[in-house]
Amino acid sequence: MTLPGPLLDPAAPPFDPAAARNYRTVTREALGRGAPTRPDAGPLTAFVLTHPLAERTVDALAAGHGPYFLVHLAQEIVLHAPLRPATAVGARAEVLAARTEPKGTRLALRTCLTDRTDGTALADLTAHILLAGIRTGEPHGTLTPAAAPRQDVPATPVSRAVTIDREWIARYGEAAGDLNPVHLDPTAARAAGYPDAIAHGMALVSMAVEEIADRYADGHADRIRALGVRFARPVLPGTETVLELTPPASGDTVLFTVRSQGAAAVKGGWARLGPEKGEYR
């Protein structure tokens, strides 16, 4: 496996507020909530904008190495500036580290979002990925798991059930631009080793972001300046799924977990809130 240098995406589209609003609206359907009342994009929009370049980077790495399927292990997102209407965005991808394991090749992939007009950094995203079935290539870099922020004084946890069915998974995939067959086609999902089509991992994260924004940021998704998660198990359509939040008694970090069938599907989740007013950090 030959690791490429940094890859640029010259065809990245302008930021589209209507598409970002639709993405959030579809996400909120699973929470039983209406469309967002604020025009904020939030951190998951940065993921949607960089996802096509991340996919192309992984496809280029895997080319010529036979069949494989991708397992999303973990994700971190840091917003440096809010996304504004008609911003001409640029995307950049870089493989930070790679290691061959018994099940395949594990990667740490960083994507960056910038304003092409003035070069302002908008977001940094780091994904940990397993290319299951590909076991070739020299080690590269150092795979360092990120430590999840802790709460020294947590407040009272809250939880709520969410509704995830096949129709919603399909709508989410269309809104996010992620039409991977394992999320849409039970036959393709079984070929990849799952019992049925599975929900997008980032769909579960997006639900947590929306719930946190409504409960602790007055609906202001852009106040969620950073987040991190680990993906533990797939969520099947129609299964009991519960979102659990633990806000801080003091501080700025909300912890979250998504459970399905009684076990953690998304674990180690955290979201850092910015101030109501003020510059990004």
Protein backbone atom coordinates (compact mmCIF):
# COMPACT_ATOMS: atom_id res chain seq x y z
CA MET A 1 0.00 0.00 0.00
CA THR A 2 1.48 3.33 -1.09
CA LEU A 3 0.54 6.26 1.10
CA PRO A 4 -0.12 9.49 -0.80
CA GLY A 5 1.02 12.91 0.25
CA PRO A 6 -1.53 15.55 1.21
CA LEU A 7 -4.43 15.63 -1.24
CA LEU A 8 -6.35 18.76 -2.16
CA ASP A 9 -9.95 18.91 -3.33
CA PRO A 10 -10.12 21.67 -5.98
CA ALA A 11 -13.76 20.87 -6.69
CA ALA A 12 -15.08 21.36 -3.17
CA PRO A 13 -18.45 23.14 -3.51
CA PRO A 14 -19.39 26.39 -1.76
CA PHE A 15 -21.00 25.95 1.61
CA ASP A 16 -24.74 25.59 1.01
CA PRO A 17 -26.85 26.72 4.02
CA ALA A 18 -29.98 25.08 2.58
CA ALA A 19 -28.25 21.70 2.36
CA ALA A 20 -26.87 22.12 5.88
CA ARG A 21 -30.35 22.95 7.19
CA ASN A 22 -31.81 19.91 5.42
CA TYR A 23 -29.13 17.70 6.97
CA ARG A 24 -29.99 18.97 10.44
CA THR A 25 -33.73 18.70 9.78
CA VAL A 26 -33.45 15.05 8.76
CA THR A 27 -31.30 14.31 11.81
CA ARG A 28 -33.84 15.92 14.11
CA GLU A 29 -36.64 13.72 12.76
CA ALA A 30 -35.17 10.77 14.69
CA LEU A 31 -35.39 12.87 17.87
CA GLY A 32 -39.01 13.81 17.24
CA ARG A 33 -37.97 17.45 16.86
CA GLY A 34 -38.87 19.97 14.18
CA ALA A 35 -36.54 21.82 11.84
CA PRO A 36 -33.80 23.90 13.51
CA THR A 37 -34.83 27.42 14.47
CA ARG A 38 -31.33 28.84 13.93
CA PRO A 39 -29.34 28.87 10.68
CA ASP A 40 -26.18 27.44 12.27
CA ALA A 41 -24.33 24.69 10.44
CA GLY A 42 -22.58 23.00 13.38
CA PRO A 43 -19.67 20.53 13.41
CA LEU A 44 -21.37 17.72 11.48
CA THR A 45 -21.66 19.93 8.39
CA ALA A 46 -17.86 20.12 8.33
CA PHE A 47 -17.80 16.32 8.29
CA VAL A 48 -20.28 16.18 5.39
CA LEU A 49 -18.21 18.69 3.38
CA THR A 50 -14.93 16.76 3.82
CA HIS A 51 -16.38 13.25 3.54
CA PRO A 52 -16.13 12.97 -0.29
CA LEU A 53 -12.40 13.75 -0.21
CA ALA A 54 -11.88 11.30 2.67
CA GLU A 55 -13.66 8.59 0.66
CA ARG A 56 -11.53 9.24 -2.43
CA THR A 57 -8.37 9.14 -0.33
CA VAL A 58 -9.29 5.76 1.15
CA ASP A 59 -10.32 4.39 -2.26
CA ALA A 60 -6.95 5.42 -3.70
CA LEU A 61 -5.12 3.69 -0.85
CA ALA A 62 -7.11 0.48 -1.26
CA ALA A 63 -6.90 0.32 -5.07
CA GLY A 64 -5.37 -2.94 -6.28
CA HIS A 65 -5.44 -4.66 -2.90
CA GLY A 66 -8.58 -6.74 -3.37
CA PRO A 67 -11.98 -6.60 -1.68
CA TYR A 68 -12.36 -4.85 1.65
CA PHE A 69 -14.91 -3.04 3.72
CA LEU A 70 -14.42 0.10 5.77
CA VAL A 71 -15.06 0.24 9.51
CA HIS A 72 -15.27 3.71 11.06
CA LEU A 73 -13.64 3.36 14.48
CA ALA A 74 -13.50 6.89 15.86
CA GLN A 75 -13.96 10.53 14.87
CA GLU A 76 -12.86 13.91 16.21
CA ILE A 77 -13.97 17.31 14.89
CA VAL A 78 -12.71 20.75 15.89
CA LEU A 79 -14.37 23.91 14.53
CA HIS A 80 -12.12 26.96 14.24
CA ALA A 81 -14.65 29.33 12.69
CA PRO A 82 -18.36 29.24 11.83
CA LEU A 83 -19.43 28.31 8.31
CA ARG A 84 -21.00 31.30 6.56
CA PRO A 85 -23.34 31.35 3.52
CA ALA A 86 -21.60 31.02 0.14
CA THR A 87 -18.19 30.38 1.73
CA ALA A 88 -15.90 28.88 -0.92
CA VAL A 89 -14.44 25.95 0.99
CA GLY A 90 -11.26 24.06 0.32
CA ALA A 91 -10.61 20.54 1.62
CA ARG A 92 -7.30 18.80 2.27
CA ALA A 93 -6.65 15.19 3.32
CA GLU A 94 -3.55 13.58 4.83
CA VAL A 95 -2.84 10.09 6.15
CA LEU A 96 -1.27 10.63 9.56
CA ALA A 97 -0.57 6.99 10.40
CA ALA A 98 -1.11 3.44 9.16
CA ARG A 99 -0.60 0.03 10.78
CA THR A 100 -1.33 -3.51 9.62
CA GLU A 101 -3.35 -5.62 12.07
CA PRO A 102 -4.81 -9.15 11.95
CA LYS A 103 -8.16 -7.86 10.64
CA GLY A 104 -6.79 -5.34 8.16
CA THR A 105 -5.08 -1.96 7.97
CA ARG A 106 -5.82 0.74 10.51
CA LEU A 107 -5.50 4.37 9.40
CA ALA A 108 -5.59 7.78 11.01
CA LEU A 109 -6.83 10.23 8.39
CA ARG A 110 -6.95 13.98 8.88
CA THR A 111 -9.07 16.26 6.73
CA CYS A 112 -9.02 20.04 6.96
CA LEU A 113 -11.57 22.58 5.81
CA THR A 114 -10.49 26.12 4.88
CA ASP A 115 -11.94 29.27 3.38
CA ARG A 116 -10.38 29.40 -0.09
CA THR A 117 -10.82 33.18 -0.25
CA ASP A 118 -8.47 34.06 2.58
CA GLY A 119 -7.09 30.73 3.80
CA THR A 120 -8.89 30.87 7.15
CA ALA A 121 -8.94 27.49 8.90
CA LEU A 122 -12.54 26.38 9.39
CA ALA A 123 -12.28 22.85 10.78
CA ASP A 124 -9.91 19.96 11.46
CA LEU A 125 -11.24 16.39 11.45
CA THR A 126 -9.43 13.18 12.38
CA ALA A 127 -10.92 9.77 11.58
CA HIS A 128 -9.63 6.38 12.72
CA ILE A 129 -10.52 3.77 10.11
CA LEU A 130 -10.03 0.03 9.63
CA LEU A 131 -9.75 -1.27 6.06
CA ALA A 132 -10.89 -4.80 6.87
CA GLY A 133 -9.40 -7.38 4.50
CA ILE A 134 -6.33 -5.37 3.46
CA ARG A 135 -3.16 -6.48 5.24
CA THR A 136 -0.27 -4.99 3.35
CA GLY A 137 2.03 -2.00 3.52
CA GLU A 138 4.73 -0.63 5.78
CA PRO A 139 3.86 1.05 9.09
CA HIS A 140 3.59 4.81 8.86
CA GLY A 141 3.48 7.39 11.64
CA THR A 142 2.17 6.71 15.13
CA LEU A 143 -1.43 5.78 15.88
CA THR A 144 -2.22 7.63 19.07
CA PRO A 145 -5.74 7.35 20.50
CA ALA A 146 -7.12 10.65 21.70
CA ALA A 147 -7.97 10.90 25.38
CA ALA A 148 -11.61 11.78 26.00
CA PRO A 149 -12.10 14.85 28.21
CA ARG A 150 -13.31 14.04 31.71
CA GLN A 151 -15.89 15.70 33.90
CA ASP A 152 -14.77 16.19 37.47
CA VAL A 153 -18.25 17.31 38.56
CA PRO A 154 -20.98 15.83 36.35
CA ALA A 155 -24.58 16.98 36.60
CA THR A 156 -27.63 14.73 36.45
CA PRO A 157 -27.62 12.48 33.35
CA VAL A 158 -30.58 12.53 30.98
CA SER A 159 -31.68 10.03 28.37
CA ARG A 160 -34.21 9.73 25.59
CA ALA A 161 -35.25 7.07 23.12
CA VAL A 162 -34.74 7.75 19.42
CA THR A 163 -36.41 6.26 16.35
CA ILE A 164 -34.19 4.70 13.70
CA ASP A 165 -35.91 2.86 10.85
CA ARG A 166 -34.94 2.00 7.27
CA GLU A 167 -36.69 5.01 5.80
CA TRP A 168 -34.89 7.42 8.13
CA ILE A 169 -31.50 5.79 7.46
CA ALA A 170 -32.09 6.26 3.72
CA ARG A 171 -33.10 9.91 4.18
CA TYR A 172 -30.07 10.56 6.34
CA GLY A 173 -27.77 8.96 3.76
CA GLU A 174 -29.19 11.16 1.01
CA ALA A 175 -28.89 14.33 3.13
CA ALA A 176 -25.31 13.45 4.14
CA GLY A 177 -24.27 12.29 0.68
CA ASP A 178 -23.27 8.89 2.10
CA LEU A 179 -24.88 6.19 -0.02
CA ASN A 180 -22.64 3.31 1.07
CA PRO A 181 -24.68 0.14 0.33
CA VAL A 182 -24.12 -1.29 3.84
CA HIS A 183 -26.51 1.41 5.08
CA LEU A 184 -29.13 0.97 2.37
CA ASP A 185 -29.03 -2.60 1.06
CA PRO A 186 -29.44 -5.59 3.44
CA THR A 187 -27.75 -7.88 0.91
CA ALA A 188 -24.66 -5.67 0.73
CA ALA A 189 -24.64 -5.35 4.51
CA ARG A 190 -24.70 -9.13 4.96
CA ALA A 191 -21.85 -9.49 2.48
CA ALA A 192 -19.86 -7.15 4.74
CA GLY A 193 -20.61 -9.29 7.78
CA TYR A 194 -23.62 -7.46 9.26
CA PRO A 195 -26.99 -9.12 9.88
CA ASP A 196 -28.87 -6.27 8.17
CA ALA A 197 -28.38 -2.75 6.85
CA ILE A 198 -26.89 -0.54 9.55
CA ALA A 199 -27.32 3.08 10.55
CA HIS A 200 -24.51 5.50 9.69
CA GLY A 201 -22.27 5.97 12.71
CA MET A 202 -22.18 9.73 12.17
CA ALA A 203 -25.99 9.77 12.08
CA LEU A 204 -25.91 8.70 15.73
CA VAL A 205 -23.38 11.43 16.49
CA SER A 206 -25.47 14.01 14.68
CA MET A 207 -28.46 13.14 16.89
CA ALA A 208 -26.33 13.73 19.99
CA VAL A 209 -25.16 17.09 18.61
CA GLU A 210 -28.72 18.23 17.98
CA GLU A 211 -29.92 17.14 21.42
CA ILE A 212 -26.96 18.85 23.10
CA ALA A 213 -27.53 22.04 21.11
CA ASP A 214 -31.21 22.16 22.10
CA ARG A 215 -30.67 21.36 25.77
CA TYR A 216 -27.49 23.25 26.57
CA ALA A 217 -26.85 25.80 23.79
CA ASP A 218 -30.29 27.33 23.10
CA GLY A 219 -30.45 25.52 19.76
CA HIS A 220 -27.16 27.07 18.64
CA ALA A 221 -25.31 24.17 16.94
CA ASP A 222 -22.27 26.36 16.17
CA ARG A 223 -21.62 26.59 19.91
CA ILE A 224 -20.46 22.98 19.78
CA ARG A 225 -16.85 23.75 18.98
CA ALA A 226 -15.34 20.25 19.23
CA LEU A 227 -16.38 16.65 19.69
CA GLY A 228 -15.00 13.14 19.77
CA VAL A 229 -16.51 9.64 19.66
CA ARG A 230 -15.62 5.98 19.35
CA PHE A 231 -17.85 3.55 17.46
CA ALA A 232 -18.37 0.27 19.31
CA ARG A 233 -21.09 -1.66 17.47
CA PRO A 234 -23.56 -1.22 14.61
CA VAL A 235 -27.17 -0.11 15.09
CA LEU A 236 -29.81 -2.01 13.14
CA PRO A 237 -33.08 -0.46 11.96
CA GLY A 238 -36.01 -0.94 14.28
CA THR A 239 -33.93 -1.77 17.36
CA GLU A 240 -34.33 0.03 20.67
CA THR A 241 -31.87 2.93 20.71
CA VAL A 242 -31.27 5.39 23.55
CA LEU A 243 -29.24 8.60 23.68
CA GLU A 244 -27.64 9.34 27.07
CA LEU A 245 -26.19 12.76 27.96
CA THR A 246 -24.23 13.84 31.01
CA PRO A 247 -23.92 17.64 31.23
CA PRO A 248 -21.30 19.26 33.46
CA ALA A 249 -22.21 20.85 36.77
CA SER A 250 -19.47 23.30 35.84
CA GLY A 251 -17.24 23.54 32.79
CA ASP A 252 -17.99 23.24 29.10
CA THR A 253 -18.04 19.55 28.15
CA VAL A 254 -21.08 17.31 27.70
CA LEU A 255 -20.47 13.56 27.67
CA PHE A 256 -22.69 11.24 25.66
CA THR A 257 -23.31 7.59 24.78
CA VAL A 258 -25.68 5.99 22.28
CA ARG A 259 -26.96 2.56 23.34
CA SER A 260 -28.69 0.01 21.16
CA GLN A 261 -30.19 -3.23 22.48
CA GLY A 262 -28.71 -2.42 25.87
CA ALA A 263 -25.07 -2.06 24.72
CA ALA A 264 -23.00 0.99 23.79
CA ALA A 265 -22.95 1.63 20.04
CA VAL A 266 -21.26 5.05 20.35
CA LYS A 267 -19.10 5.41 23.45
CA GLY A 268 -16.66 7.88 24.93
CA GLY A 269 -18.60 10.71 23.29
CA TRP A 270 -17.84 14.28 24.31
CA ALA A 271 -18.85 17.70 22.99
CA ARG A 272 -17.21 20.96 24.06
CA LEU A 273 -19.42 24.04 24.16
CA GLY A 274 -18.17 27.50 23.33
CA PRO A 275 -19.43 30.65 25.07
CA GLU A 276 -22.70 32.24 24.03
CA LYS A 277 -20.74 35.15 22.61
CA GLY A 278 -17.11 35.40 21.70
CA GLU A 279 -14.50 34.29 19.25
CA TYR A 280 -13.74 30.72 18.35
CA ARG A 281 -10.77 29.10 20.05
